[in-house]
PDB file of N, CA and C in Angstrom:
ATOM      1  N   MET A   1      -0.649  57.112  29.491  1.00  0.00           N
ATOM      2  CA  MET A   1      -0.545  58.558  29.544  1.00  0.00           C
ATOM      3  C   MET A   1      -0.273  59.016  28.121  1.00  0.00           C
ATOM      4  N   ALA A   2      -1.201  59.716  27.577  1.00  0.00           N
ATOM      5  CA  ALA A   2      -0.994  60.173  26.214  1.00  0.00           C
ATOM      6  C   ALA A   2      -1.880  61.387  25.952  1.00  0.00           C
ATOM      7  N   PRO A   3      -1.372  62.330  25.265  1.00  0.00           N
ATOM      8  CA  PRO A   3       0.019  62.389  24.841  1.00  0.00           C
ATOM      9  C   PRO A   3       0.885  63.050  25.901  1.00  0.00           C
ATOM     10  N   ILE A   4       2.120  62.631  25.952  1.00  0.00           N
ATOM     11  CA  ILE A   4       3.109  63.343  26.751  1.00  0.00           C
ATOM     12  C   ILE A   4       3.648  64.435  25.837  1.00  0.00           C
ATOM     13  N   VAL A   5       3.451  65.681  26.234  1.00  0.00           N
ATOM     14  CA  VAL A   5       3.806  66.823  25.394  1.00  0.00           C
ATOM     15  C   VAL A   5       5.152  67.384  25.856  1.00  0.00           C
ATOM     16  N   PRO A   6       6.156  67.346  24.974  1.00  0.00           N
ATOM     17  CA  PRO A   6       7.475  67.871  25.336  1.00  0.00           C
ATOM     18  C   PRO A   6       7.377  69.291  25.881  1.00  0.00           C
ATOM     19  N   GLY A   7       8.079  69.521  26.983  1.00  0.00           N
ATOM     20  CA  GLY A   7       8.120  70.853  27.567  1.00  0.00           C
ATOM     21  C   GLY A   7       6.916  71.217  28.421  1.00  0.00           C
ATOM     22  N   PHE A   8       5.844  70.437  28.343  1.00  0.00           N
ATOM     23  CA  PHE A   8       4.645  70.721  29.121  1.00  0.00           C
ATOM     24  C   PHE A   8       4.372  69.615  30.137  1.00  0.00           C
ATOM     25  N   SER A   9       4.406  68.376  29.682  1.00  0.00           N
ATOM     26  CA  SER A   9       4.106  67.270  30.598  1.00  0.00           C
ATOM     27  C   SER A   9       5.198  66.202  30.601  1.00  0.00           C
ATOM     28  N   SER A  10       6.378  66.550  30.109  1.00  0.00           N
ATOM     29  CA  SER A  10       7.441  65.554  29.948  1.00  0.00           C
ATOM     30  C   SER A  10       8.517  65.590  31.028  1.00  0.00           C
ATOM     31  N   SER A  11       8.449  66.527  31.958  1.00  0.00           N
ATOM     32  CA  SER A  11       9.488  66.582  32.985  1.00  0.00           C
ATOM     33  C   SER A  11       9.340  65.400  33.932  1.00  0.00           C
ATOM     34  N   LEU A  12      10.447  64.974  34.516  1.00  0.00           N
ATOM     35  CA  LEU A  12      10.421  63.853  35.440  1.00  0.00           C
ATOM     36  C   LEU A  12       9.462  64.114  36.595  1.00  0.00           C
ATOM     37  N   SER A  13       9.452  65.326  37.133  1.00  0.00           N
ATOM     38  CA  SER A  13       8.574  65.610  38.276  1.00  0.00           C
ATOM     39  C   SER A  13       7.099  65.494  37.897  1.00  0.00           C
ATOM     40  N   LYS A  14       6.711  65.943  36.704  1.00  0.00           N
ATOM     41  CA  LYS A  14       5.312  65.839  36.280  1.00  0.00           C
ATOM     42  C   LYS A  14       4.944  64.397  35.976  1.00  0.00           C
ATOM     43  N   LEU A  15       5.857  63.684  35.323  1.00  0.00           N
ATOM     44  CA  LEU A  15       5.592  62.276  35.053  1.00  0.00           C
ATOM     45  C   LEU A  15       5.448  61.497  36.355  1.00  0.00           C
ATOM     46  N   GLU A  16       6.315  61.804  37.325  1.00  0.00           N
ATOM     47  CA  GLU A  16       6.239  61.084  38.594  1.00  0.00           C
ATOM     48  C   GLU A  16       4.931  61.365  39.317  1.00  0.00           C
ATOM     49  N   ARG A  17       4.504  62.610  39.362  1.00  0.00           N
ATOM     50  CA  ARG A  17       3.224  62.915  40.016  1.00  0.00           C
ATOM     51  C   ARG A  17       2.074  62.160  39.345  1.00  0.00           C
ATOM     52  N   THR A  18       2.128  62.074  38.026  1.00  0.00           N
ATOM     53  CA  THR A  18       1.069  61.390  37.295  1.00  0.00           C
ATOM     54  C   THR A  18       1.094  59.889  37.559  1.00  0.00           C
ATOM     55  N   VAL A  19       2.269  59.271  37.461  1.00  0.00           N
ATOM     56  CA  VAL A  19       2.379  57.824  37.682  1.00  0.00           C
ATOM     57  C   VAL A  19       2.009  57.482  39.121  1.00  0.00           C
ATOM     58  N   LYS A  20       2.435  58.289  40.064  1.00  0.00           N
ATOM     59  CA  LYS A  20       2.087  58.051  41.476  1.00  0.00           C
ATOM     60  C   LYS A  20       0.572  58.114  41.662  1.00  0.00           C
ATOM     61  N   ALA A  21      -0.075  59.103  41.061  1.00  0.00           N
ATOM     62  CA  ALA A  21      -1.534  59.216  41.172  1.00  0.00           C
ATOM     63  C   ALA A  21      -2.217  58.006  40.539  1.00  0.00           C
ATOM     64  N   ILE A  22      -1.690  57.543  39.424  1.00  0.00           N
ATOM     65  CA  ILE A  22      -2.249  56.361  38.760  1.00  0.00           C
ATOM     66  C   ILE A  22      -2.145  55.154  39.693  1.00  0.00           C
ATOM     67  N   ALA A  23      -0.972  54.968  40.289  1.00  0.00           N
ATOM     68  CA  ALA A  23      -0.765  53.844  41.214  1.00  0.00           C
ATOM     69  C   ALA A  23      -1.639  53.992  42.453  1.00  0.00           C
ATOM     70  N   ASP A  24      -1.716  55.197  42.986  1.00  0.00           N
ATOM     71  CA  ASP A  24      -2.517  55.436  44.186  1.00  0.00           C
ATOM     72  C   ASP A  24      -3.996  55.134  43.964  1.00  0.00           C
ATOM     73  N   HIS A  25      -4.443  55.214  42.722  1.00  0.00           N
ATOM     74  CA  HIS A  25      -5.851  54.947  42.421  1.00  0.00           C
ATOM     75  C   HIS A  25      -6.092  53.495  42.009  1.00  0.00           C
ATOM     76  N   GLY A  26      -5.077  52.639  42.192  1.00  0.00           N
ATOM     77  CA  GLY A  26      -5.289  51.207  42.020  1.00  0.00           C
ATOM     78  C   GLY A  26      -4.986  50.629  40.658  1.00  0.00           C
ATOM     79  N   ALA A  27      -4.402  51.405  39.768  1.00  0.00           N
ATOM     80  CA  ALA A  27      -4.074  50.847  38.455  1.00  0.00           C
ATOM     81  C   ALA A  27      -3.014  49.758  38.609  1.00  0.00           C
ATOM     82  N   ARG A  28      -3.020  48.846  37.669  1.00  0.00           N
ATOM     83  CA  ARG A  28      -2.033  47.768  37.676  1.00  0.00           C
ATOM     84  C   ARG A  28      -0.951  47.990  36.634  1.00  0.00           C
ATOM     85  N   PHE A  29      -1.201  48.844  35.672  1.00  0.00           N
ATOM     86  CA  PHE A  29      -0.262  49.084  34.592  1.00  0.00           C
ATOM     87  C   PHE A  29      -0.462  50.501  34.080  1.00  0.00           C
ATOM     88  N   VAL A  30       0.615  51.084  33.592  1.00  0.00           N
ATOM     89  CA  VAL A  30       0.533  52.373  32.912  1.00  0.00           C
ATOM     90  C   VAL A  30       1.488  52.331  31.721  1.00  0.00           C
ATOM     91  N   GLY A  31       1.047  52.874  30.626  1.00  0.00           N
ATOM     92  CA  GLY A  31       1.873  53.003  29.435  1.00  0.00           C
ATOM     93  C   GLY A  31       1.912  54.463  29.036  1.00  0.00           C
ATOM     94  N   CYS A  32       2.649  54.754  27.994  1.00  0.00           N
ATOM     95  CA  CYS A  32       2.738  56.157  27.578  1.00  0.00           C
ATOM     96  C   CYS A  32       2.976  56.270  26.083  1.00  0.00           C
ATOM     97  N   ASN A  33       2.670  57.434  25.573  1.00  0.00           N
ATOM     98  CA  ASN A  33       2.967  57.811  24.199  1.00  0.00           C
ATOM     99  C   ASN A  33       3.357  59.271  24.182  1.00  0.00           C
ATOM    100  N   VAL A  34       4.456  59.568  23.515  1.00  0.00           N
ATOM    101  CA  VAL A  34       4.862  60.957  23.315  1.00  0.00           C
ATOM    102  C   VAL A  34       4.022  61.511  22.171  1.00  0.00           C
ATOM    103  N   MET A  35       3.645  62.753  22.282  1.00  0.00           N
ATOM    104  CA  MET A  35       2.812  63.406  21.276  1.00  0.00           C
ATOM    105  C   MET A  35       3.408  63.263  19.880  1.00  0.00           C
ATOM    106  N   TYR A  36       2.539  62.989  18.913  1.00  0.00           N
ATOM    107  CA  TYR A  36       2.934  63.061  17.507  1.00  0.00           C
ATOM    108  C   TYR A  36       1.976  64.023  16.832  1.00  0.00           C
ATOM    109  N   LEU A  37       2.404  64.572  15.709  1.00  0.00           N
ATOM    110  CA  LEU A  37       1.623  65.623  15.061  1.00  0.00           C
ATOM    111  C   LEU A  37       1.370  65.296  13.591  1.00  0.00           C
ATOM    112  N   GLN A  38       0.111  65.025  13.266  1.00  0.00           N
ATOM    113  CA  GLN A  38      -0.287  64.869  11.869  1.00  0.00           C
ATOM    114  C   GLN A  38      -0.165  66.230  11.182  1.00  0.00           C
ATOM    115  N   ASP A  39      -0.224  66.255   9.879  1.00  0.00           N
ATOM    116  CA  ASP A  39      -0.005  67.490   9.125  1.00  0.00           C
ATOM    117  C   ASP A  39      -0.862  68.667   9.583  1.00  0.00           C
ATOM    118  N   GLY A  40      -2.174  68.539   9.581  1.00  0.00           N
ATOM    119  CA  GLY A  40      -3.042  69.647   9.974  1.00  0.00           C
ATOM    120  C   GLY A  40      -2.892  69.995  11.448  1.00  0.00           C
ATOM    121  N   THR A  41      -2.756  68.973  12.276  1.00  0.00           N
ATOM    122  CA  THR A  41      -2.566  69.196  13.701  1.00  0.00           C
ATOM    123  C   THR A  41      -1.236  69.888  13.949  1.00  0.00           C
ATOM    124  N   ARG A  42      -0.212  69.487  13.217  1.00  0.00           N
ATOM    125  CA  ARG A  42       1.112  70.096  13.366  1.00  0.00           C
ATOM    126  C   ARG A  42       1.049  71.591  13.059  1.00  0.00           C
ATOM    127  N   THR A  43       0.416  71.936  11.966  1.00  0.00           N
ATOM    128  CA  THR A  43       0.304  73.347  11.577  1.00  0.00           C
ATOM    129  C   THR A  43      -0.397  74.148  12.669  1.00  0.00           C
ATOM    130  N   HIS A  44      -1.519  73.647  13.145  1.00  0.00           N
ATOM    131  CA  HIS A  44      -2.284  74.333  14.185  1.00  0.00           C
ATOM    132  C   HIS A  44      -1.473  74.441  15.484  1.00  0.00           C
ATOM    133  N   PHE A  45      -0.854  73.343  15.900  1.00  0.00           N
ATOM    134  CA  PHE A  45      -0.096  73.330  17.146  1.00  0.00           C
ATOM    135  C   PHE A  45       1.103  74.277  17.070  1.00  0.00           C
ATOM    136  N   MET A  46       1.814  74.251  15.960  1.00  0.00           N
ATOM    137  CA  MET A  46       3.000  75.118  15.829  1.00  0.00           C
ATOM    138  C   MET A  46       2.602  76.595  15.842  1.00  0.00           C
ATOM    139  N   LYS A  47       1.479  76.945  15.238  1.00  0.00           N
ATOM    140  CA  LYS A  47       1.005  78.336  15.302  1.00  0.00           C
ATOM    141  C   LYS A  47       0.702  78.729  16.747  1.00  0.00           C
ATOM    142  N   PHE A  48       0.077  77.815  17.481  1.00  0.00           N
ATOM    143  CA  PHE A  48      -0.215  78.052  18.888  1.00  0.00           C
ATOM    144  C   PHE A  48       1.080  78.277  19.673  1.00  0.00           C
ATOM    145  N   ILE A  49       2.062  77.418  19.474  1.00  0.00           N
ATOM    146  CA  ILE A  49       3.342  77.542  20.181  1.00  0.00           C
ATOM    147  C   ILE A  49       4.017  78.867  19.821  1.00  0.00           C
ATOM    148  N   GLU A  50       4.058  79.203  18.562  1.00  0.00           N
ATOM    149  CA  GLU A  50       4.690  80.461  18.133  1.00  0.00           C
ATOM    150  C   GLU A  50       4.001  81.673  18.746  1.00  0.00           C
ATOM    151  N   ARG A  51       2.677  81.613  18.875  1.00  0.00           N
ATOM    152  CA  ARG A  51       1.913  82.732  19.427  1.00  0.00           C
ATOM    153  C   ARG A  51       2.017  82.797  20.953  1.00  0.00           C
ATOM    154  N   GLU A  52       1.843  81.660  21.629  1.00  0.00           N
ATOM    155  CA  GLU A  52       1.740  81.649  23.087  1.00  0.00           C
ATOM    156  C   GLU A  52       3.055  81.358  23.817  1.00  0.00           C
ATOM    157  N   PHE A  53       3.941  80.630  23.173  1.00  0.00           N
ATOM    158  CA  PHE A  53       5.211  80.226  23.796  1.00  0.00           C
ATOM    159  C   PHE A  53       6.349  80.372  22.786  1.00  0.00           C
ATOM    160  N   PRO A  54       6.597  81.577  22.289  1.00  0.00           N
ATOM    161  CA  PRO A  54       7.575  81.755  21.206  1.00  0.00           C
ATOM    162  C   PRO A  54       8.972  81.245  21.544  1.00  0.00           C
ATOM    163  N   ALA A  55       9.370  81.275  22.791  1.00  0.00           N
ATOM    164  CA  ALA A  55      10.701  80.786  23.153  1.00  0.00           C
ATOM    165  C   ALA A  55      10.824  79.275  22.947  1.00  0.00           C
ATOM    166  N   MET A  56       9.699  78.563  22.952  1.00  0.00           N
ATOM    167  CA  MET A  56       9.717  77.117  22.779  1.00  0.00           C
ATOM    168  C   MET A  56       9.658  76.697  21.313  1.00  0.00           C
ATOM    169  N   ALA A  57       9.327  77.614  20.425  1.00  0.00           N
ATOM    170  CA  ALA A  57       9.120  77.278  19.017  1.00  0.00           C
ATOM    171  C   ALA A  57      10.337  76.605  18.369  1.00  0.00           C
ATOM    172  N   PRO A  58      11.554  77.106  18.573  1.00  0.00           N
ATOM    173  CA  PRO A  58      12.700  76.434  17.928  1.00  0.00           C
ATOM    174  C   PRO A  58      12.866  74.977  18.368  1.00  0.00           C
ATOM    175  N   ARG A  59      12.623  74.696  19.636  1.00  0.00           N
ATOM    176  CA  ARG A  59      12.746  73.317  20.113  1.00  0.00           C
ATOM    177  C   ARG A  59      11.693  72.415  19.468  1.00  0.00           C
ATOM    178  N   PHE A  60      10.459  72.919  19.364  1.00  0.00           N
ATOM    179  CA  PHE A  60       9.409  72.115  18.724  1.00  0.00           C
ATOM    180  C   PHE A  60       9.689  71.917  17.240  1.00  0.00           C
ATOM    181  N   GLU A  61      10.204  72.935  16.574  1.00  0.00           N
ATOM    182  CA  GLU A  61      10.567  72.785  15.159  1.00  0.00           C
ATOM    183  C   GLU A  61      11.615  71.691  14.996  1.00  0.00           C
ATOM    184  N   LYS A  62      12.566  71.648  15.916  1.00  0.00           N
ATOM    185  CA  LYS A  62      13.616  70.635  15.860  1.00  0.00           C
ATOM    186  C   LYS A  62      13.061  69.249  16.180  1.00  0.00           C
ATOM    187  N   LEU A  63      12.236  69.150  17.219  1.00  0.00           N
ATOM    188  CA  LEU A  63      11.671  67.860  17.621  1.00  0.00           C
ATOM    189  C   LEU A  63      10.679  67.313  16.605  1.00  0.00           C
ATOM    190  N   TYR A  64       9.940  68.188  15.945  1.00  0.00           N
ATOM    191  CA  TYR A  64       8.870  67.755  15.059  1.00  0.00           C
ATOM    192  C   TYR A  64       9.133  68.107  13.606  1.00  0.00           C
ATOM    193  N   ARG A  65      10.309  67.743  13.143  1.00  0.00           N
ATOM    194  CA  ARG A  65      10.605  67.882  11.704  1.00  0.00           C
ATOM    195  C   ARG A  65       9.725  66.939  10.907  1.00  0.00           C
ATOM    196  N   THR A  66       9.363  65.835  11.535  1.00  0.00           N
ATOM    197  CA  THR A  66       8.440  64.866  10.951  1.00  0.00           C
ATOM    198  C   THR A  66       7.275  64.702  11.924  1.00  0.00           C
ATOM    199  N   LYS A  67       6.413  63.774  11.608  1.00  0.00           N
ATOM    200  CA  LYS A  67       5.234  63.498  12.433  1.00  0.00           C
ATOM    201  C   LYS A  67       5.598  63.117  13.869  1.00  0.00           C
ATOM    202  N   TYR A  68       6.704  62.396  14.024  1.00  0.00           N
ATOM    203  CA  TYR A  68       7.125  61.908  15.335  1.00  0.00           C
ATOM    204  C   TYR A  68       8.409  62.590  15.778  1.00  0.00           C
ATOM    205  N   PRO A  69       8.578  62.788  17.086  1.00  0.00           N
ATOM    206  CA  PRO A  69       9.870  63.290  17.562  1.00  0.00           C
ATOM    207  C   PRO A  69      10.926  62.197  17.360  1.00  0.00           C
ATOM    208  N   PRO A  70      12.193  62.542  17.405  1.00  0.00           N
ATOM    209  CA  PRO A  70      13.249  61.550  17.190  1.00  0.00           C
ATOM    210  C   PRO A  70      13.142  60.368  18.162  1.00  0.00           C
ATOM    211  N   ASP A  71      13.572  59.198  17.676  1.00  0.00           N
ATOM    212  CA  ASP A  71      13.539  57.987  18.505  1.00  0.00           C
ATOM    213  C   ASP A  71      14.277  58.185  19.819  1.00  0.00           C
ATOM    214  N   ALA A  72      15.392  58.879  19.793  1.00  0.00           N
ATOM    215  CA  ALA A  72      16.174  59.081  21.022  1.00  0.00           C
ATOM    216  C   ALA A  72      15.358  59.827  22.069  1.00  0.00           C
ATOM    217  N   TYR A  73      14.595  60.815  21.648  1.00  0.00           N
ATOM    218  CA  TYR A  73      13.767  61.564  22.598  1.00  0.00           C
ATOM    219  C   TYR A  73      12.659  60.671  23.152  1.00  0.00           C
ATOM    220  N   ARG A  74      12.004  59.929  22.272  1.00  0.00           N
ATOM    221  CA  ARG A  74      10.928  59.035  22.731  1.00  0.00           C
ATOM    222  C   ARG A  74      11.472  57.983  23.697  1.00  0.00           C
ATOM    223  N   ARG A  75      12.645  57.429  23.405  1.00  0.00           N
ATOM    224  CA  ARG A  75      13.248  56.439  24.304  1.00  0.00           C
ATOM    225  C   ARG A  75      13.579  57.058  25.664  1.00  0.00           C
ATOM    226  N   GLU A  76      14.027  58.312  25.659  1.00  0.00           N
ATOM    227  CA  GLU A  76      14.334  59.004  26.917  1.00  0.00           C
ATOM    228  C   GLU A  76      13.084  59.131  27.788  1.00  0.00           C
ATOM    229  N   VAL A  77      11.990  59.575  27.199  1.00  0.00           N
ATOM    230  CA  VAL A  77      10.738  59.718  27.948  1.00  0.00           C
ATOM    231  C   VAL A  77      10.235  58.351  28.394  1.00  0.00           C
ATOM    232  N   GLN A  78      10.246  57.371  27.502  1.00  0.00           N
ATOM    233  CA  GLN A  78       9.793  56.030  27.855  1.00  0.00           C
ATOM    234  C   GLN A  78      10.662  55.424  28.951  1.00  0.00           C
ATOM    235  N   GLY A  79      11.955  55.722  28.954  1.00  0.00           N
ATOM    236  CA  GLY A  79      12.843  55.242  30.011  1.00  0.00           C
ATOM    237  C   GLY A  79      12.476  55.825  31.364  1.00  0.00           C
ATOM    238  N   MET A  80      12.141  57.106  31.383  1.00  0.00           N
ATOM    239  CA  MET A  80      11.704  57.717  32.649  1.00  0.00           C
ATOM    240  C   MET A  80      10.423  57.049  33.137  1.00  0.00           C
ATOM    241  N   VAL A  81       9.497  56.792  32.229  1.00  0.00           N
ATOM    242  CA  VAL A  81       8.235  56.161  32.621  1.00  0.00           C
ATOM    243  C   VAL A  81       8.488  54.738  33.103  1.00  0.00           C
ATOM    244  N   ARG A  82       9.372  53.988  32.450  1.00  0.00           N
ATOM    245  CA  ARG A  82       9.696  52.628  32.915  1.00  0.00           C
ATOM    246  C   ARG A  82      10.256  52.648  34.335  1.00  0.00           C
ATOM    247  N   MET A  83      11.134  53.586  34.601  1.00  0.00           N
ATOM    248  CA  MET A  83      11.706  53.708  35.939  1.00  0.00           C
ATOM    249  C   MET A  83      10.598  54.001  36.957  1.00  0.00           C
ATOM    250  N   LEU A  84       9.666  54.855  36.601  1.00  0.00           N
ATOM    251  CA  LEU A  84       8.564  55.200  37.493  1.00  0.00           C
ATOM    252  C   LEU A  84       7.585  54.036  37.635  1.00  0.00           C
ATOM    253  N   GLN A  85       7.384  53.273  36.566  1.00  0.00           N
ATOM    254  CA  GLN A  85       6.544  52.081  36.649  1.00  0.00           C
ATOM    255  C   GLN A  85       7.102  51.141  37.716  1.00  0.00           C
ATOM    256  N   GLN A  86       8.389  50.934  37.697  1.00  0.00           N
ATOM    257  CA  GLN A  86       9.030  50.052  38.679  1.00  0.00           C
ATOM    258  C   GLN A  86       8.919  50.638  40.080  1.00  0.00           C
ATOM    259  N   ARG A  87       9.171  51.925  40.203  1.00  0.00           N
ATOM    260  CA  ARG A  87       9.122  52.575  41.512  1.00  0.00           C
ATOM    261  C   ARG A  87       7.754  52.427  42.172  1.00  0.00           C
ATOM    262  N   TYR A  88       6.697  52.509  41.371  1.00  0.00           N
ATOM    263  CA  TYR A  88       5.347  52.487  41.924  1.00  0.00           C
ATOM    264  C   TYR A  88       4.612  51.163  41.682  1.00  0.00           C
ATOM    265  N   GLY A  89       5.364  50.113  41.318  1.00  0.00           N
ATOM    266  CA  GLY A  89       4.775  48.786  41.188  1.00  0.00           C
ATOM    267  C   GLY A  89       3.858  48.607  40.004  1.00  0.00           C
ATOM    268  N   LEU A  90       4.099  49.338  38.938  1.00  0.00           N
ATOM    269  CA  LEU A  90       3.261  49.255  37.739  1.00  0.00           C
ATOM    270  C   LEU A  90       4.068  48.747  36.545  1.00  0.00           C
ATOM    271  N   ASP A  91       5.120  47.981  36.823  1.00  0.00           N
ATOM    272  CA  ASP A  91       6.071  47.675  35.767  1.00  0.00           C
ATOM    273  C   ASP A  91       5.705  46.508  34.877  1.00  0.00           C
ATOM    274  N   HIS A  92       4.747  45.669  35.245  1.00  0.00           N
ATOM    275  CA  HIS A  92       4.377  44.545  34.393  1.00  0.00           C
ATOM    276  C   HIS A  92       2.876  44.524  34.193  1.00  0.00           C
ATOM    277  N   ARG A  93       2.473  44.345  32.961  1.00  0.00           N
ATOM    278  CA  ARG A  93       1.053  44.232  32.663  1.00  0.00           C
ATOM    279  C   ARG A  93       0.584  42.882  33.176  1.00  0.00           C
ATOM    280  N   ASP A  94      -0.482  42.876  33.909  1.00  0.00           N
ATOM    281  CA  ASP A  94      -1.017  41.661  34.495  1.00  0.00           C
ATOM    282  C   ASP A  94      -2.206  41.220  33.648  1.00  0.00           C
ATOM    283  N   ASP A  95      -2.068  40.112  32.940  1.00  0.00           N
ATOM    284  CA  ASP A  95      -3.128  39.646  32.061  1.00  0.00           C
ATOM    285  C   ASP A  95      -4.156  38.758  32.759  1.00  0.00           C
ATOM    286  N   ARG A  96      -3.971  38.540  34.069  1.00  0.00           N
ATOM    287  CA  ARG A  96      -4.969  37.758  34.798  1.00  0.00           C
ATOM    288  C   ARG A  96      -6.249  38.573  34.923  1.00  0.00           C
ATOM    289  N   PRO A  97      -7.402  37.916  34.805  1.00  0.00           N
ATOM    290  CA  PRO A  97      -8.654  38.686  34.940  1.00  0.00           C
ATOM    291  C   PRO A  97      -8.804  39.250  36.345  1.00  0.00           C
ATOM    292  N   ARG A  98      -9.352  40.431  36.439  1.00  0.00           N
ATOM    293  CA  ARG A  98      -9.622  41.048  37.736  1.00  0.00           C
ATOM    294  C   ARG A  98     -10.819  40.369  38.387  1.00  0.00           C
ATOM    295  N   GLU A  99     -10.844  40.424  39.693  1.00  0.00           N
ATOM    296  CA  GLU A  99     -11.966  39.857  40.435  1.00  0.00           C
ATOM    297  C   GLU A  99     -13.248  40.548  39.992  1.00  0.00           C
ATOM    298  N   GLY A 100     -14.233  39.746  39.645  1.00  0.00           N
ATOM    299  CA  GLY A 100     -15.521  40.294  39.217  1.00  0.00           C
ATOM    300  C   GLY A 100     -15.578  40.660  37.747  1.00  0.00           C
ATOM    301  N   ALA A 101     -14.456  40.545  37.037  1.00  0.00           N
ATOM    302  CA  ALA A 101     -14.448  40.867  35.606  1.00  0.00           C
ATOM    303  C   ALA A 101     -15.089  39.727  34.838  1.00  0.00           C
ATOM    304  N   PRO A 102     -15.715  40.030  33.704  1.00  0.00           N
ATOM    305  CA  PRO A 102     -16.335  38.964  32.916  1.00  0.00           C
ATOM    306  C   PRO A 102     -15.273  37.973  32.429  1.00  0.00           C
ATOM    307  N   SER A 103     -15.666  36.722  32.299  1.00  0.00           N
ATOM    308  CA  SER A 103     -14.756  35.684  31.839  1.00  0.00           C
ATOM    309  C   SER A 103     -14.365  35.940  30.394  1.00  0.00           C
ATOM    310  N   THR A 104     -13.114  35.702  30.069  1.00  0.00           N
ATOM    311  CA  THR A 104     -12.640  35.874  28.694  1.00  0.00           C
ATOM    312  C   THR A 104     -12.541  34.546  27.978  1.00  0.00           C
ATOM    313  N   THR A 105     -13.018  33.463  28.607  1.00  0.00           N
ATOM    314  CA  THR A 105     -12.909  32.144  28.002  1.00  0.00           C
ATOM    315  C   THR A 105     -14.002  31.896  26.979  1.00  0.00           C
ATOM    316  N   THR A 106     -15.068  32.679  26.977  1.00  0.00           N
ATOM    317  CA  THR A 106     -16.128  32.523  25.986  1.00  0.00           C
ATOM    318  C   THR A 106     -16.007  33.628  24.963  1.00  0.00           C
ATOM    319  N   GLN A 107     -16.475  33.336  23.773  1.00  0.00           N
ATOM    320  CA  GLN A 107     -16.440  34.326  22.705  1.00  0.00           C
ATOM    321  C   GLN A 107     -17.442  35.433  23.005  1.00  0.00           C
ATOM    322  N   PRO A 108     -17.074  36.683  22.729  1.00  0.00           N
ATOM    323  CA  PRO A 108     -18.045  37.755  22.946  1.00  0.00           C
ATOM    324  C   PRO A 108     -19.210  37.627  21.978  1.00  0.00           C
ATOM    325  N   GLU A 109     -20.372  38.022  22.440  1.00  0.00           N
ATOM    326  CA  GLU A 109     -21.572  37.972  21.617  1.00  0.00           C
ATOM    327  C   GLU A 109     -21.517  39.082  20.585  1.00  0.00           C
ATOM    328  N   GLN A 110     -21.879  38.750  19.349  1.00  0.00           N
ATOM    329  CA  GLN A 110     -21.934  39.748  18.296  1.00  0.00           C
ATOM    330  C   GLN A 110     -23.161  40.614  18.530  1.00  0.00           C
ATOM    331  N   VAL A 111     -22.955  41.905  18.513  1.00  0.00           N
ATOM    332  CA  VAL A 111     -24.044  42.843  18.726  1.00  0.00           C
ATOM    333  C   VAL A 111     -24.574  43.285  17.368  1.00  0.00           C
ATOM    334  N   GLY A 112     -25.871  43.244  17.205  1.00  0.00           N
ATOM    335  CA  GLY A 112     -26.484  43.703  15.964  1.00  0.00           C
ATOM    336  C   GLY A 112     -27.287  44.977  16.211  1.00  0.00           C
ATOM    337  N   PHE A 113     -27.237  45.884  15.271  1.00  0.00           N
ATOM    338  CA  PHE A 113     -27.974  47.130  15.391  1.00  0.00           C
ATOM    339  C   PHE A 113     -28.974  47.235  14.250  1.00  0.00           C
ATOM    340  N   ARG A 114     -30.150  47.744  14.552  1.00  0.00           N
ATOM    341  CA  ARG A 114     -31.139  48.000  13.496  1.00  0.00           C
ATOM    342  C   ARG A 114     -30.935  49.428  13.021  1.00  0.00           C
ATOM    343  N   TRP A 115     -30.744  49.566  11.746  1.00  0.00           N
ATOM    344  CA  TRP A 115     -30.547  50.907  11.193  1.00  0.00           C
ATOM    345  C   TRP A 115     -31.852  51.357  10.668  1.00  0.00           C
TER     346      TRP A 115
END
């Protein structure tokens, strides 16, 4: 799930609905990333927030002083997702090949393109 956008898709109820839907559709694993903002993207996003959601602007300014939100915030969101992974049986990545999946024991063929 990426990006998880603070204040928009980061609430426990929204994360739970998403993780449940992922599990209900047969996924075996789910991971997440909290939104980060590169310089140009940050400028554009912050203008959008100031224009459309001015009450949220101070929180975003605080969270995004740098490219990434603080580690504590990211750990909080990741902790909620870990709890939901366990709740819906998506807590461990399964590296066994899926039925019908191509074998990973042979090297992939190098693809050549004519330019």
